[in-house]
Structures are given as C-alpha cells and as structure tokens.
C-alpha cells in the first residue's frame, strides 16, 4: 500500500497508469533506446518530484505507473514525459527520426487511468454516510 503524502495545503494519494505508443506503433523501443527512455522518464519524474511506481518499456509501447502531486494535471504529466523523452531520444538516436517518420517519435494519443487503494463504491458509500449521518 502506498503512503498518503502531504503538500502545503493538501494530503493526497494519486496514482495514474499511463500508456503511450510510438508513431504508427512502430517497434522501435528496443535495446539502448529502451534503456535510455527508462532513464529519461525516471530522471524527468524525479526532477519534478513525481514518484515512478512501475515502468515497463515494450518494443511498441510504454507502461508507466506514477504518483504525482495534485498540482499536476494528468494531461500535463503526459505532455512533459512525452516531450522531454522525444527530444532526448531523437537527439541521441538520430536514426529514430527516420524510423519513426517525419521526425515525430510519439503518437499524439495516450491512455490514462487513475488508481488507488479505495474502490469507487467505498467512496460513494462514505460520501452518502456523511450526509445521512450528519
């Protein structure tokens, strides 16, 4: 179980499962590229104080389980991770630009889902009990 964190004005436990793919779902995330991508994601997250819970780079997609503070919008989280990683990978591996076509590494879409230690039903029941009880 993850621990609840505290911010200046909040207590929180936010967890996001994010998946994104290279342009045209090409199988280009292999060997040194995959290792450098992992390093880049972990470093980018650490610099921003986002906790990487789990990270797997497959040849044609990335799975990330991350815990950011509530001040970070989910779409900004994805934008930063994809943007920073694309700049670094395309610079360090120039042949990726040709394999990815048009110099764009990532497809514009992504999947994101929130996760936590409490089910939606538990939250609904808690809120209902607050108004009924008092």
C-alpha atoms as a PDB file:
ATOM      1  CA  UNK A   1       0.000   0.000   0.000  1.00  0.00           C
ATOM      2  CA  UNK A   2       1.327   3.445  -0.960  1.00  0.00           C
ATOM      3  CA  UNK A   3       1.567   6.060   1.725  1.00  0.00           C
ATOM      4  CA  UNK A   4      -0.509   9.217   1.771  1.00  0.00           C
ATOM      5  CA  UNK A   5       1.621  12.273   1.051  1.00  0.00           C
ATOM      6  CA  UNK A   6       1.249  15.801   2.329  1.00  0.00           C
ATOM      7  CA  UNK A   7       1.557  19.039   0.473  1.00  0.00           C
ATOM      8  CA  UNK A   8       1.390  22.547   1.837  1.00  0.00           C
ATOM      9  CA  UNK A   9      -2.414  22.585   1.772  1.00  0.00           C
ATOM     10  CA  UNK A  10      -3.340  19.006   0.999  1.00  0.00           C
ATOM     11  CA  UNK A  11      -2.992  15.332   1.760  1.00  0.00           C
ATOM     12  CA  UNK A  12      -3.145  13.089  -1.253  1.00  0.00           C
ATOM     13  CA  UNK A  13      -2.628   9.719  -2.853  1.00  0.00           C
ATOM     14  CA  UNK A  14      -2.856   9.968  -6.629  1.00  0.00           C
ATOM     15  CA  UNK A  15      -1.771   7.139  -8.886  1.00  0.00           C
ATOM     16  CA  UNK A  16      -2.002   7.114 -12.664  1.00  0.00           C
ATOM     17  CA  UNK A  17      -1.482   4.261 -15.123  1.00  0.00           C
ATOM     18  CA  UNK A  18      -0.334   5.792 -18.408  1.00  0.00           C
ATOM     19  CA  UNK A  19       0.277   4.030 -21.721  1.00  0.00           C
ATOM     20  CA  UNK A  20       1.568   5.630 -24.907  1.00  0.00           C
ATOM     21  CA  UNK A  21       2.940   4.399 -28.213  1.00  0.00           C
ATOM     22  CA  UNK A  22       5.448   5.459 -30.854  1.00  0.00           C
ATOM     23  CA  UNK A  23       4.039   6.964 -34.025  1.00  0.00           C
ATOM     24  CA  UNK A  24       2.419   4.236 -36.159  1.00  0.00           C
ATOM     25  CA  UNK A  25       3.090   1.824 -33.264  1.00  0.00           C
ATOM     26  CA  UNK A  26       6.471   1.014 -34.709  1.00  0.00           C
ATOM     27  CA  UNK A  27       8.609  -1.442 -32.724  1.00  0.00           C
ATOM     28  CA  UNK A  28      11.464   0.997 -32.134  1.00  0.00           C
ATOM     29  CA  UNK A  29      11.754   0.971 -28.336  1.00  0.00           C
ATOM     30  CA  UNK A  30      14.429  -1.701 -28.096  1.00  0.00           C
ATOM     31  CA  UNK A  31      17.905  -2.178 -26.628  1.00  0.00           C
ATOM     32  CA  UNK A  32      19.743   1.123 -25.937  1.00  0.00           C
ATOM     33  CA  UNK A  33      16.703   3.183 -26.924  1.00  0.00           C
ATOM     34  CA  UNK A  34      14.528   1.390 -24.348  1.00  0.00           C
ATOM     35  CA  UNK A  35      17.162   1.757 -21.626  1.00  0.00           C
ATOM     36  CA  UNK A  36      17.678   5.455 -22.379  1.00  0.00           C
ATOM     37  CA  UNK A  37      13.915   6.002 -22.406  1.00  0.00           C
ATOM     38  CA  UNK A  38      13.618   4.434 -18.936  1.00  0.00           C
ATOM     39  CA  UNK A  39      16.429   6.645 -17.637  1.00  0.00           C
ATOM     40  CA  UNK A  40      14.851   9.730 -19.166  1.00  0.00           C
ATOM     41  CA  UNK A  41      11.409   9.046 -17.703  1.00  0.00           C
ATOM     42  CA  UNK A  42      12.824   8.291 -14.257  1.00  0.00           C
ATOM     43  CA  UNK A  43      15.033  11.391 -14.296  1.00  0.00           C
ATOM     44  CA  UNK A  44      12.259  13.673 -15.579  1.00  0.00           C
ATOM     45  CA  UNK A  45       9.896  12.375 -12.896  1.00  0.00           C
ATOM     46  CA  UNK A  46      12.493  12.690 -10.122  1.00  0.00           C
ATOM     47  CA  UNK A  47      13.285  16.294 -11.091  1.00  0.00           C
ATOM     48  CA  UNK A  48       9.588  17.133 -10.682  1.00  0.00           C
ATOM     49  CA  UNK A  49       9.067  15.019  -7.549  1.00  0.00           C
ATOM     50  CA  UNK A  50       6.765  12.541  -9.276  1.00  0.00           C
ATOM     51  CA  UNK A  51       7.181   9.027  -7.902  1.00  0.00           C
ATOM     52  CA  UNK A  52       7.602   6.320 -10.522  1.00  0.00           C
ATOM     53  CA  UNK A  53       5.903   3.272  -9.029  1.00  0.00           C
ATOM     54  CA  UNK A  54       6.462   0.997 -12.037  1.00  0.00           C
ATOM     55  CA  UNK A  55       7.800   1.436 -15.551  1.00  0.00           C
ATOM     56  CA  UNK A  56       7.982  -1.007 -18.443  1.00  0.00           C
ATOM     57  CA  UNK A  57       9.117  -0.192 -21.946  1.00  0.00           C
ATOM     58  CA  UNK A  58       7.917  -2.656 -24.554  1.00  0.00           C
ATOM     59  CA  UNK A  59       9.089  -2.524 -28.169  1.00  0.00           C
ATOM     60  CA  UNK A  60       5.916  -0.709 -29.295  1.00  0.00           C
ATOM     61  CA  UNK A  61       4.523   0.950 -26.143  1.00  0.00           C
ATOM     62  CA  UNK A  62       5.305   2.316 -22.692  1.00  0.00           C
ATOM     63  CA  UNK A  63       3.539   1.484 -19.410  1.00  0.00           C
ATOM     64  CA  UNK A  64       4.050   3.920 -16.556  1.00  0.00           C
ATOM     65  CA  UNK A  65       2.527   3.866 -13.070  1.00  0.00           C
ATOM     66  CA  UNK A  66       3.266   7.210 -11.467  1.00  0.00           C
ATOM     67  CA  UNK A  67       2.275   9.178  -8.367  1.00  0.00           C
ATOM     68  CA  UNK A  68       2.363  12.955  -8.917  1.00  0.00           C
ATOM     69  CA  UNK A  69       1.164  15.696  -6.547  1.00  0.00           C
ATOM     70  CA  UNK A  70      -2.370  17.070  -7.072  1.00  0.00           C
ATOM     71  CA  UNK A  71      -0.988  20.286  -8.586  1.00  0.00           C
ATOM     72  CA  UNK A  72      -0.074  18.407 -11.773  1.00  0.00           C
ATOM     73  CA  UNK A  73      -2.797  17.932 -14.359  1.00  0.00           C
ATOM     74  CA  UNK A  74      -2.760  14.444 -15.874  1.00  0.00           C
ATOM     75  CA  UNK A  75      -2.531  15.848 -19.411  1.00  0.00           C
ATOM     76  CA  UNK A  76       0.476  17.990 -18.431  1.00  0.00           C
ATOM     77  CA  UNK A  77       2.167  14.965 -16.893  1.00  0.00           C
ATOM     78  CA  UNK A  78       1.877  13.077 -20.182  1.00  0.00           C
ATOM     79  CA  UNK A  79       2.891  16.116 -22.236  1.00  0.00           C
ATOM     80  CA  UNK A  80       6.065  16.612 -20.204  1.00  0.00           C
ATOM     81  CA  UNK A  81       7.083  12.950 -20.239  1.00  0.00           C
ATOM     82  CA  UNK A  82       6.461  12.502 -23.966  1.00  0.00           C
ATOM     83  CA  UNK A  83       8.005  15.859 -24.875  1.00  0.00           C
ATOM     84  CA  UNK A  84      11.205  15.525 -22.864  1.00  0.00           C
ATOM     85  CA  UNK A  85      11.737  11.899 -23.860  1.00  0.00           C
ATOM     86  CA  UNK A  86      11.160  12.622 -27.564  1.00  0.00           C
ATOM     87  CA  UNK A  87      13.664  15.493 -27.583  1.00  0.00           C
ATOM     88  CA  UNK A  88      16.335  13.433 -25.848  1.00  0.00           C
ATOM     89  CA  UNK A  89      15.821  10.219 -27.826  1.00  0.00           C
ATOM     90  CA  UNK A  90      15.651  11.934 -31.220  1.00  0.00           C
ATOM     91  CA  UNK A  91      18.836  13.863 -30.418  1.00  0.00           C
ATOM     92  CA  UNK A  92      20.789  10.865 -29.098  1.00  0.00           C
ATOM     93  CA  UNK A  93      19.482   8.364 -31.676  1.00  0.00           C
ATOM     94  CA  UNK A  94      19.203  10.280 -34.987  1.00  0.00           C
ATOM     95  CA  UNK A  95      18.137   7.146 -36.881  1.00  0.00           C
ATOM     96  CA  UNK A  96      14.915   7.116 -34.818  1.00  0.00           C
ATOM     97  CA  UNK A  97      13.650  10.132 -36.737  1.00  0.00           C
ATOM     98  CA  UNK A  98      13.792   8.130 -39.974  1.00  0.00           C
ATOM     99  CA  UNK A  99      12.279   5.007 -38.453  1.00  0.00           C
ATOM    100  CA  UNK A 100       9.523   6.991 -36.735  1.00  0.00           C
ATOM    101  CA  UNK A 101       8.910   9.065 -39.893  1.00  0.00           C
ATOM    102  CA  UNK A 102       8.606  12.827 -40.083  1.00  0.00           C
ATOM    103  CA  UNK A 103      10.779  13.290 -37.001  1.00  0.00           C
ATOM    104  CA  UNK A 104       7.884  12.626 -34.635  1.00  0.00           C
ATOM    105  CA  UNK A 105       8.535   9.943 -32.073  1.00  0.00           C
ATOM    106  CA  UNK A 106       5.217   9.580 -30.233  1.00  0.00           C
ATOM    107  CA  UNK A 107       1.651   9.207 -31.460  1.00  0.00           C
ATOM    108  CA  UNK A 108      -0.488  12.094 -30.155  1.00  0.00           C
ATOM    109  CA  UNK A 109      -2.830   9.814 -28.193  1.00  0.00           C
ATOM    110  CA  UNK A 110      -2.388   8.088 -24.854  1.00  0.00           C
ATOM    111  CA  UNK A 111      -4.307   6.063 -22.271  1.00  0.00           C
ATOM    112  CA  UNK A 112      -4.552   7.202 -18.666  1.00  0.00           C
ATOM    113  CA  UNK A 113      -6.450   5.723 -15.730  1.00  0.00           C
ATOM    114  CA  UNK A 114      -6.460   6.653 -12.091  1.00  0.00           C
ATOM    115  CA  UNK A 115      -5.870   4.035  -9.467  1.00  0.00           C
ATOM    116  CA  UNK A 116      -5.926   3.960  -5.713  1.00  0.00           C
ATOM    117  CA  UNK A 117      -6.391   1.946  -2.592  1.00  0.00           C
ATOM    118  CA  UNK A 118     -10.120   2.589  -2.306  1.00  0.00           C
ATOM    119  CA  UNK A 119     -12.853   1.472  -4.667  1.00  0.00           C
ATOM    120  CA  UNK A 120     -15.380   3.861  -6.196  1.00  0.00           C
ATOM    121  CA  UNK A 121     -18.118   2.088  -4.217  1.00  0.00           C
ATOM    122  CA  UNK A 122     -16.303   2.770  -0.943  1.00  0.00           C
ATOM    123  CA  UNK A 123     -16.013   6.466  -1.762  1.00  0.00           C
ATOM    124  CA  UNK A 124     -19.699   6.687  -2.745  1.00  0.00           C
ATOM    125  CA  UNK A 125     -20.735   4.973   0.490  1.00  0.00           C
ATOM    126  CA  UNK A 126     -18.501   7.277   2.554  1.00  0.00           C
ATOM    127  CA  UNK A 127     -19.997  10.412   0.970  1.00  0.00           C
ATOM    128  CA  UNK A 128     -23.538   9.096   1.349  1.00  0.00           C
ATOM    129  CA  UNK A 129     -22.902   8.286   5.027  1.00  0.00           C
ATOM    130  CA  UNK A 130     -21.557  11.785   5.645  1.00  0.00           C
ATOM    131  CA  UNK A 131     -24.793  13.441   4.533  1.00  0.00           C
ATOM    132  CA  UNK A 132     -27.065  10.866   6.162  1.00  0.00           C
ATOM    133  CA  UNK A 133     -25.195  10.726   9.432  1.00  0.00           C
ATOM    134  CA  UNK A 134     -24.939  14.262   9.962  1.00  0.00           C
END
